[in-house]
Amino acid sequence: MINKQLLSVILLALCSITFTFAQNSNLNTTTTTDMDNMSYAIGVLVSTNLKQQGLTDGLDPESFKMALQDVINGTAKMTPDQANQEIQKKMEALAKVQQAKDAVRIEEEAKFLAANANKPNIKMTASGVQYEILKAADGEIPSATDKVTVHYHGTLINGTVFDSSVERGQTISFPVNGVIQGWQEILQMMPVGSKWKVWIPSDLAYGPQGTGGIPPNSALIFEIELFSK
């Protein structure tokens, strides 16, 4: 699919600059500082969008600047449709690369979880969440609507730490039904005072979207200590 939103952001930015430049040349009512700030702000928005779409790798700033000036001067070497076609080709190439990465990650996850399930003391829920009880307790077990306080340490299956309240040195509180599905399931099994190690399949975590430092289709490993409900 053509990323029309991306192209719209770029074209809107270019048109905004063109209009502002034209106004400024005729009326000269905008200060240099105002123009600098506005121009930089548009650059930040456009560049952020490009980065989010994965289009900054190999981007030539000089060509980008030339296109900007050409649009302002009315001498652009591409029409918007031609520009859209170029962006579409890049997006399709990026999608193929991502699909290949996803396939590898899904295969690695399946092998890892299958091997992990055969280790001593590992139990598994019907949904596929695996867990090991590191510290048993006999406290109350939270329900979906309870608010809990926990410590946790989260890693990818390769050992990369993506989030850790333990490393921050501060517990965190949240409603049980406000977190990923794998957490919701396991928290409604854990007694207060216990500490479990949990392996959550990607479809019960952040799935094909991923989030932050978590790539798409990533199984997650947590050590969770439940302090209160």
C-alpha atoms as a PDB file:
ATOM      1  CA  MET A   1       0.000   0.000   0.000  1.00  0.00           C
ATOM      2  CA  ILE A   2       1.178   3.514  -0.781  1.00  0.00           C
ATOM      3  CA  ASN A   3       1.892   5.451   2.365  1.00  0.00           C
ATOM      4  CA  LYS A   4      -0.308   8.431   1.507  1.00  0.00           C
ATOM      5  CA  GLN A   5      -0.047   9.844   5.008  1.00  0.00           C
ATOM      6  CA  LEU A   6       3.740  10.074   4.673  1.00  0.00           C
ATOM      7  CA  LEU A   7       3.562  11.800   1.303  1.00  0.00           C
ATOM      8  CA  SER A   8       0.884  14.168   2.583  1.00  0.00           C
ATOM      9  CA  VAL A   9       3.084  15.207   5.499  1.00  0.00           C
ATOM     10  CA  ILE A  10       6.027  15.913   3.202  1.00  0.00           C
ATOM     11  CA  LEU A  11       3.963  17.793   0.626  1.00  0.00           C
ATOM     12  CA  LEU A  12       2.159  19.774   3.318  1.00  0.00           C
ATOM     13  CA  ALA A  13       5.498  20.775   4.801  1.00  0.00           C
ATOM     14  CA  LEU A  14       6.846  21.851   1.419  1.00  0.00           C
ATOM     15  CA  CYS A  15       3.681  23.803   0.594  1.00  0.00           C
ATOM     16  CA  SER A  16       3.729  25.456   4.009  1.00  0.00           C
ATOM     17  CA  ILE A  17       7.296  26.598   3.483  1.00  0.00           C
ATOM     18  CA  THR A  18       6.496  27.831  -0.029  1.00  0.00           C
ATOM     19  CA  PHE A  19       3.496  29.827   1.194  1.00  0.00           C
ATOM     20  CA  THR A  20       5.396  31.291   4.133  1.00  0.00           C
ATOM     21  CA  PHE A  21       8.382  32.221   1.980  1.00  0.00           C
ATOM     22  CA  ALA A  22       6.074  33.953  -0.483  1.00  0.00           C
ATOM     23  CA  GLN A  23       4.299  35.863   2.256  1.00  0.00           C
ATOM     24  CA  ASN A  24       7.550  36.843   3.881  1.00  0.00           C
ATOM     25  CA  SER A  25       9.079  38.135   0.661  1.00  0.00           C
ATOM     26  CA  ASN A  26       6.025  40.322   0.004  1.00  0.00           C
ATOM     27  CA  LEU A  27       5.200  41.569   3.479  1.00  0.00           C
ATOM     28  CA  ASN A  28       8.433  41.079   5.420  1.00  0.00           C
ATOM     29  CA  THR A  29       6.419  40.832   8.647  1.00  0.00           C
ATOM     30  CA  THR A  30       7.970  37.615   9.985  1.00  0.00           C
ATOM     31  CA  THR A  31      11.191  37.921  11.960  1.00  0.00           C
ATOM     32  CA  THR A  32      14.253  35.876  11.085  1.00  0.00           C
ATOM     33  CA  THR A  33      13.983  34.061  14.400  1.00  0.00           C
ATOM     34  CA  ASP A  34      10.345  33.180  13.756  1.00  0.00           C
ATOM     35  CA  MET A  35      11.204  31.892  10.287  1.00  0.00           C
ATOM     36  CA  ASP A  36      14.149  29.894  11.597  1.00  0.00           C
ATOM     37  CA  ASN A  37      12.032  28.299  14.307  1.00  0.00           C
ATOM     38  CA  MET A  38       9.174  27.516  11.947  1.00  0.00           C
ATOM     39  CA  SER A  39      11.507  26.056   9.316  1.00  0.00           C
ATOM     40  CA  TYR A  40      13.302  23.934  11.893  1.00  0.00           C
ATOM     41  CA  ALA A  41       9.986  22.770  13.360  1.00  0.00           C
ATOM     42  CA  ILE A  42       8.783  21.595   9.946  1.00  0.00           C
ATOM     43  CA  GLY A  43      12.122  19.832   9.446  1.00  0.00           C
ATOM     44  CA  VAL A  44      11.685  18.034  12.764  1.00  0.00           C
ATOM     45  CA  LEU A  45       8.155  16.869  11.892  1.00  0.00           C
ATOM     46  CA  VAL A  46       9.059  15.677   8.399  1.00  0.00           C
ATOM     47  CA  SER A  47      12.278  13.979   9.544  1.00  0.00           C
ATOM     48  CA  THR A  48      10.517  12.282  12.456  1.00  0.00           C
ATOM     49  CA  ASN A  49       7.886  10.909  10.110  1.00  0.00           C
ATOM     50  CA  LEU A  50      10.532   9.679   7.677  1.00  0.00           C
ATOM     51  CA  LYS A  51      12.445   7.997  10.504  1.00  0.00           C
ATOM     52  CA  GLN A  52       9.320   6.302  11.820  1.00  0.00           C
ATOM     53  CA  GLN A  53       8.661   4.927   8.343  1.00  0.00           C
ATOM     54  CA  GLY A  54      12.240   3.638   8.053  1.00  0.00           C
ATOM     55  CA  LEU A  55      13.071   5.983   5.169  1.00  0.00           C
ATOM     56  CA  THR A  56      16.059   7.813   6.630  1.00  0.00           C
ATOM     57  CA  ASP A  57      18.622   5.081   5.897  1.00  0.00           C
ATOM     58  CA  GLY A  58      20.531   6.256   2.854  1.00  0.00           C
ATOM     59  CA  LEU A  59      18.561   9.490   2.593  1.00  0.00           C
ATOM     60  CA  ASP A  60      20.649  12.185   0.886  1.00  0.00           C
ATOM     61  CA  PRO A  61      20.131  15.518   2.718  1.00  0.00           C
ATOM     62  CA  GLU A  62      21.436  17.468  -0.281  1.00  0.00           C
ATOM     63  CA  SER A  63      18.869  15.905  -2.629  1.00  0.00           C
ATOM     64  CA  PHE A  64      16.178  16.526  -0.029  1.00  0.00           C
ATOM     65  CA  LYS A  65      17.203  20.172   0.232  1.00  0.00           C
ATOM     66  CA  MET A  66      17.306  20.482  -3.564  1.00  0.00           C
ATOM     67  CA  ALA A  67      13.753  19.113  -3.847  1.00  0.00           C
ATOM     68  CA  LEU A  68      12.618  21.570  -1.199  1.00  0.00           C
ATOM     69  CA  GLN A  69      14.096  24.508  -3.099  1.00  0.00           C
ATOM     70  CA  ASP A  70      12.802  23.215  -6.452  1.00  0.00           C
ATOM     71  CA  VAL A  71       9.245  23.012  -5.109  1.00  0.00           C
ATOM     72  CA  ILE A  72       9.559  26.536  -3.718  1.00  0.00           C
ATOM     73  CA  ASN A  73      10.830  27.761  -7.110  1.00  0.00           C
ATOM     74  CA  GLY A  74       8.235  25.800  -9.074  1.00  0.00           C
ATOM     75  CA  THR A  75      10.912  23.711 -10.824  1.00  0.00           C
ATOM     76  CA  ALA A  76      10.356  20.289  -9.201  1.00  0.00           C
ATOM     77  CA  LYS A  77      11.749  17.437 -11.292  1.00  0.00           C
ATOM     78  CA  MET A  78       8.988  15.038 -10.156  1.00  0.00           C
ATOM     79  CA  THR A  79       5.233  15.326  -9.930  1.00  0.00           C
ATOM     80  CA  PRO A  80       3.567  14.292  -6.650  1.00  0.00           C
ATOM     81  CA  ASP A  81       2.443  11.053  -8.347  1.00  0.00           C
ATOM     82  CA  GLN A  82       6.001  10.257  -9.426  1.00  0.00           C
ATOM     83  CA  ALA A  83       7.277  11.034  -5.941  1.00  0.00           C
ATOM     84  CA  ASN A  84       4.617   8.751  -4.528  1.00  0.00           C
ATOM     85  CA  GLN A  85       5.753   5.937  -6.822  1.00  0.00           C
ATOM     86  CA  GLU A  86       9.349   6.320  -5.610  1.00  0.00           C
ATOM     87  CA  ILE A  87       8.225   6.196  -1.982  1.00  0.00           C
ATOM     88  CA  GLN A  88       6.037   3.171  -2.720  1.00  0.00           C
ATOM     89  CA  LYS A  89       9.009   1.281  -4.181  1.00  0.00           C
ATOM     90  CA  LYS A  90      11.058   2.026  -1.067  1.00  0.00           C
ATOM     91  CA  MET A  91       8.227   1.023   1.268  1.00  0.00           C
ATOM     92  CA  GLU A  92       7.691  -2.256  -0.613  1.00  0.00           C
ATOM     93  CA  ALA A  93      11.399  -3.068  -0.354  1.00  0.00           C
ATOM     94  CA  LEU A  94      11.359  -2.299   3.379  1.00  0.00           C
ATOM     95  CA  ALA A  95       8.266  -4.482   3.813  1.00  0.00           C
ATOM     96  CA  LYS A  96      10.025  -7.458   2.190  1.00  0.00           C
ATOM     97  CA  VAL A  97      13.015  -7.023   4.487  1.00  0.00           C
ATOM     98  CA  GLN A  98      10.711  -6.841   7.514  1.00  0.00           C
ATOM     99  CA  GLN A  99       8.797  -9.938   6.414  1.00  0.00           C
ATOM    100  CA  ALA A 100      12.047 -11.888   6.182  1.00  0.00           C
ATOM    101  CA  LYS A 101      13.063 -10.710   9.660  1.00  0.00           C
ATOM    102  CA  ASP A 102       9.644 -11.629  11.025  1.00  0.00           C
ATOM    103  CA  ALA A 103       9.836 -15.145   9.578  1.00  0.00           C
ATOM    104  CA  VAL A 104      13.235 -15.720  11.189  1.00  0.00           C
ATOM    105  CA  ARG A 105      12.050 -14.332  14.533  1.00  0.00           C
ATOM    106  CA  ILE A 106       8.890 -16.487  14.523  1.00  0.00           C
ATOM    107  CA  GLU A 107      10.936 -19.607  13.807  1.00  0.00           C
ATOM    108  CA  GLU A 108      13.446 -18.725  16.544  1.00  0.00           C
ATOM    109  CA  GLU A 109      10.614 -18.136  19.013  1.00  0.00           C
ATOM    110  CA  ALA A 110       8.991 -21.492  18.258  1.00  0.00           C
ATOM    111  CA  LYS A 111      12.276 -23.385  18.711  1.00  0.00           C
ATOM    112  CA  PHE A 112      13.149 -21.495  21.883  1.00  0.00           C
ATOM    113  CA  LEU A 113       9.775 -22.025  23.560  1.00  0.00           C
ATOM    114  CA  ALA A 114       9.657 -25.700  22.556  1.00  0.00           C
ATOM    115  CA  ALA A 115      13.083 -26.305  24.114  1.00  0.00           C
ATOM    116  CA  ASN A 116      12.257 -24.235  27.188  1.00  0.00           C
ATOM    117  CA  ALA A 117       9.056 -26.181  27.827  1.00  0.00           C
ATOM    118  CA  ASN A 118      11.106 -29.353  28.320  1.00  0.00           C
ATOM    119  CA  LYS A 119      13.268 -27.902  31.094  1.00  0.00           C
ATOM    120  CA  PRO A 120      12.724 -28.988  34.717  1.00  0.00           C
ATOM    121  CA  ASN A 121      10.162 -27.019  36.784  1.00  0.00           C
ATOM    122  CA  ILE A 122       8.682 -25.273  33.743  1.00  0.00           C
ATOM    123  CA  LYS A 123       4.895 -25.324  33.580  1.00  0.00           C
ATOM    124  CA  MET A 124       2.661 -24.088  30.768  1.00  0.00           C
ATOM    125  CA  THR A 125      -0.853 -22.680  30.615  1.00  0.00           C
ATOM    126  CA  ALA A 126      -3.390 -23.711  27.991  1.00  0.00           C
ATOM    127  CA  SER A 127      -2.653 -20.518  26.041  1.00  0.00           C
ATOM    128  CA  GLY A 128       1.084 -21.263  25.859  1.00  0.00           C
ATOM    129  CA  VAL A 129       2.468 -19.003  28.597  1.00  0.00           C
ATOM    130  CA  GLN A 130       5.321 -20.801  30.367  1.00  0.00           C
ATOM    131  CA  TYR A 131       6.287 -20.128  33.962  1.00  0.00           C
ATOM    132  CA  GLU A 132       8.587 -21.220  36.755  1.00  0.00           C
ATOM    133  CA  ILE A 133       7.878 -20.475  40.410  1.00  0.00           C
ATOM    134  CA  LEU A 134      11.034 -18.903  41.861  1.00  0.00           C
ATOM    135  CA  LYS A 135       9.478 -18.025  45.220  1.00  0.00           C
ATOM    136  CA  ALA A 136       6.230 -19.574  46.431  1.00  0.00           C
ATOM    137  CA  ALA A 137       3.717 -17.700  48.588  1.00  0.00           C
ATOM    138  CA  ASP A 138       0.186 -18.145  49.876  1.00  0.00           C
ATOM    139  CA  GLY A 139      -1.154 -14.596  49.554  1.00  0.00           C
ATOM    140  CA  GLU A 140      -4.299 -13.535  47.753  1.00  0.00           C
ATOM    141  CA  ILE A 141      -4.526 -14.005  43.995  1.00  0.00           C
ATOM    142  CA  PRO A 142      -5.532 -10.897  42.029  1.00  0.00           C
ATOM    143  CA  SER A 143      -8.587 -10.688  39.796  1.00  0.00           C
ATOM    144  CA  ALA A 144      -8.739  -8.880  36.455  1.00  0.00           C
ATOM    145  CA  THR A 145     -10.070  -5.680  38.018  1.00  0.00           C
ATOM    146  CA  ASP A 146      -7.557  -5.511  40.872  1.00  0.00           C
ATOM    147  CA  LYS A 147      -4.677  -3.060  40.947  1.00  0.00           C
ATOM    148  CA  VAL A 148      -1.334  -4.707  41.667  1.00  0.00           C
ATOM    149  CA  THR A 149       2.150  -3.568  42.656  1.00  0.00           C
ATOM    150  CA  VAL A 150       5.062  -5.485  41.172  1.00  0.00           C
ATOM    151  CA  HIS A 151       8.740  -5.553  40.403  1.00  0.00           C
ATOM    152  CA  TYR A 152       9.684  -6.965  36.999  1.00  0.00           C
ATOM    153  CA  HIS A 153      12.678  -7.509  34.751  1.00  0.00           C
ATOM    154  CA  GLY A 154      11.943  -7.991  31.054  1.00  0.00           C
ATOM    155  CA  THR A 155      14.225  -9.409  28.366  1.00  0.00           C
ATOM    156  CA  LEU A 156      14.026 -10.729  24.829  1.00  0.00           C
ATOM    157  CA  ILE A 157      14.950 -14.367  24.239  1.00  0.00           C
ATOM    158  CA  ASN A 158      18.472 -13.225  23.264  1.00  0.00           C
ATOM    159  CA  GLY A 159      18.926 -11.675  26.709  1.00  0.00           C
ATOM    160  CA  THR A 160      18.460  -8.034  25.686  1.00  0.00           C
ATOM    161  CA  VAL A 161      16.852  -6.060  28.509  1.00  0.00           C
ATOM    162  CA  PHE A 162      14.003  -3.914  27.175  1.00  0.00           C
ATOM    163  CA  ASP A 163      12.440  -2.788  30.465  1.00  0.00           C
ATOM    164  CA  SER A 164      13.084  -3.331  34.157  1.00  0.00           C
ATOM    165  CA  SER A 165      11.551  -1.789  37.250  1.00  0.00           C
ATOM    166  CA  VAL A 166      14.263  -3.646  39.150  1.00  0.00           C
ATOM    167  CA  GLU A 167      16.996  -1.693  37.359  1.00  0.00           C
ATOM    168  CA  ARG A 168      15.098   1.541  37.944  1.00  0.00           C
ATOM    169  CA  GLY A 169      14.833   0.642  41.636  1.00  0.00           C
ATOM    170  CA  GLN A 170      11.121   1.450  41.804  1.00  0.00           C
ATOM    171  CA  THR A 171       8.069  -0.813  41.852  1.00  0.00           C
ATOM    172  CA  ILE A 172       5.150  -0.111  39.547  1.00  0.00           C
ATOM    173  CA  SER A 173       1.378  -0.316  40.096  1.00  0.00           C
ATOM    174  CA  PHE A 174      -1.315  -0.868  37.459  1.00  0.00           C
ATOM    175  CA  PRO A 175      -4.672  -2.638  36.937  1.00  0.00           C
ATOM    176  CA  VAL A 176      -4.377  -6.288  35.957  1.00  0.00           C
ATOM    177  CA  ASN A 177      -6.585  -5.768  32.903  1.00  0.00           C
ATOM    178  CA  GLY A 178      -4.432  -2.861  31.712  1.00  0.00           C
ATOM    179  CA  VAL A 179      -1.408  -4.857  30.541  1.00  0.00           C
ATOM    180  CA  ILE A 180      -0.606  -7.360  27.790  1.00  0.00           C
ATOM    181  CA  GLN A 181      -2.622 -10.562  27.658  1.00  0.00           C
ATOM    182  CA  GLY A 182       0.184 -12.811  28.864  1.00  0.00           C
ATOM    183  CA  TRP A 183       0.631 -10.651  31.973  1.00  0.00           C
ATOM    184  CA  GLN A 184      -3.105 -10.592  32.637  1.00  0.00           C
ATOM    185  CA  GLU A 185      -3.226 -14.361  32.573  1.00  0.00           C
ATOM    186  CA  ILE A 186      -0.218 -14.953  34.797  1.00  0.00           C
ATOM    187  CA  LEU A 187      -1.089 -12.262  37.370  1.00  0.00           C
ATOM    188  CA  GLN A 188      -4.428 -13.984  37.948  1.00  0.00           C
ATOM    189  CA  MET A 189      -2.490 -17.117  38.911  1.00  0.00           C
ATOM    190  CA  MET A 190       0.194 -15.580  41.151  1.00  0.00           C
ATOM    191  CA  PRO A 191      -0.324 -15.286  44.918  1.00  0.00           C
ATOM    192  CA  VAL A 192       0.780 -12.018  46.511  1.00  0.00           C
ATOM    193  CA  GLY A 193       4.338 -12.438  47.809  1.00  0.00           C
ATOM    194  CA  SER A 194       5.416 -14.841  45.088  1.00  0.00           C
ATOM    195  CA  LYS A 195       8.039 -14.410  42.382  1.00  0.00           C
ATOM    196  CA  TRP A 196       7.725 -16.158  39.035  1.00  0.00           C
ATOM    197  CA  LYS A 197       9.748 -16.316  35.846  1.00  0.00           C
ATOM    198  CA  VAL A 198       7.458 -16.132  32.822  1.00  0.00           C
ATOM    199  CA  TRP A 199       7.903 -16.791  29.089  1.00  0.00           C
ATOM    200  CA  ILE A 200       5.211 -15.107  26.997  1.00  0.00           C
ATOM    201  CA  PRO A 201       4.685 -15.980  23.308  1.00  0.00           C
ATOM    202  CA  SER A 202       4.597 -13.003  20.969  1.00  0.00           C
ATOM    203  CA  ASP A 203       0.883 -13.390  20.202  1.00  0.00           C
ATOM    204  CA  LEU A 204       0.170 -12.835  23.902  1.00  0.00           C
ATOM    205  CA  ALA A 205       2.584  -9.885  24.069  1.00  0.00           C
ATOM    206  CA  TYR A 206       2.949  -7.168  21.405  1.00  0.00           C
ATOM    207  CA  GLY A 207       2.495  -9.384  18.344  1.00  0.00           C
ATOM    208  CA  PRO A 208       3.489  -8.247  14.840  1.00  0.00           C
ATOM    209  CA  GLN A 209       3.445  -4.566  15.817  1.00  0.00           C
ATOM    210  CA  GLY A 210       6.107  -4.657  18.519  1.00  0.00           C
ATOM    211  CA  THR A 211       6.638  -1.560  20.631  1.00  0.00           C
ATOM    212  CA  GLY A 212       9.545   0.612  21.751  1.00  0.00           C
ATOM    213  CA  GLY A 213      12.589  -1.635  22.167  1.00  0.00           C
ATOM    214  CA  ILE A 214      10.565  -4.777  21.440  1.00  0.00           C
ATOM    215  CA  PRO A 215      10.771  -5.934  17.792  1.00  0.00           C
ATOM    216  CA  PRO A 216       7.695  -7.373  16.045  1.00  0.00           C
ATOM    217  CA  ASN A 217       6.857 -11.010  16.799  1.00  0.00           C
ATOM    218  CA  SER A 218       9.038 -11.212  19.900  1.00  0.00           C
ATOM    219  CA  ALA A 219       8.546 -13.669  22.729  1.00  0.00           C
ATOM    220  CA  LEU A 220       9.210 -11.988  26.068  1.00  0.00           C
ATOM    221  CA  ILE A 221      10.762 -13.212  29.301  1.00  0.00           C
ATOM    222  CA  PHE A 222       9.883 -11.644  32.653  1.00  0.00           C
ATOM    223  CA  GLU A 223      10.791 -12.148  36.249  1.00  0.00           C
ATOM    224  CA  ILE A 224       7.765 -10.855  38.154  1.00  0.00           C
ATOM    225  CA  GLU A 225       7.494 -10.338  41.910  1.00  0.00           C
ATOM    226  CA  LEU A 226       3.988  -9.559  43.145  1.00  0.00           C
ATOM    227  CA  PHE A 227       3.915  -7.357  46.241  1.00  0.00           C
ATOM    228  CA  SER A 228       0.265  -6.402  46.688  1.00  0.00           C
ATOM    229  CA  LYS A 229      -3.202  -6.296  45.173  1.00  0.00           C
END
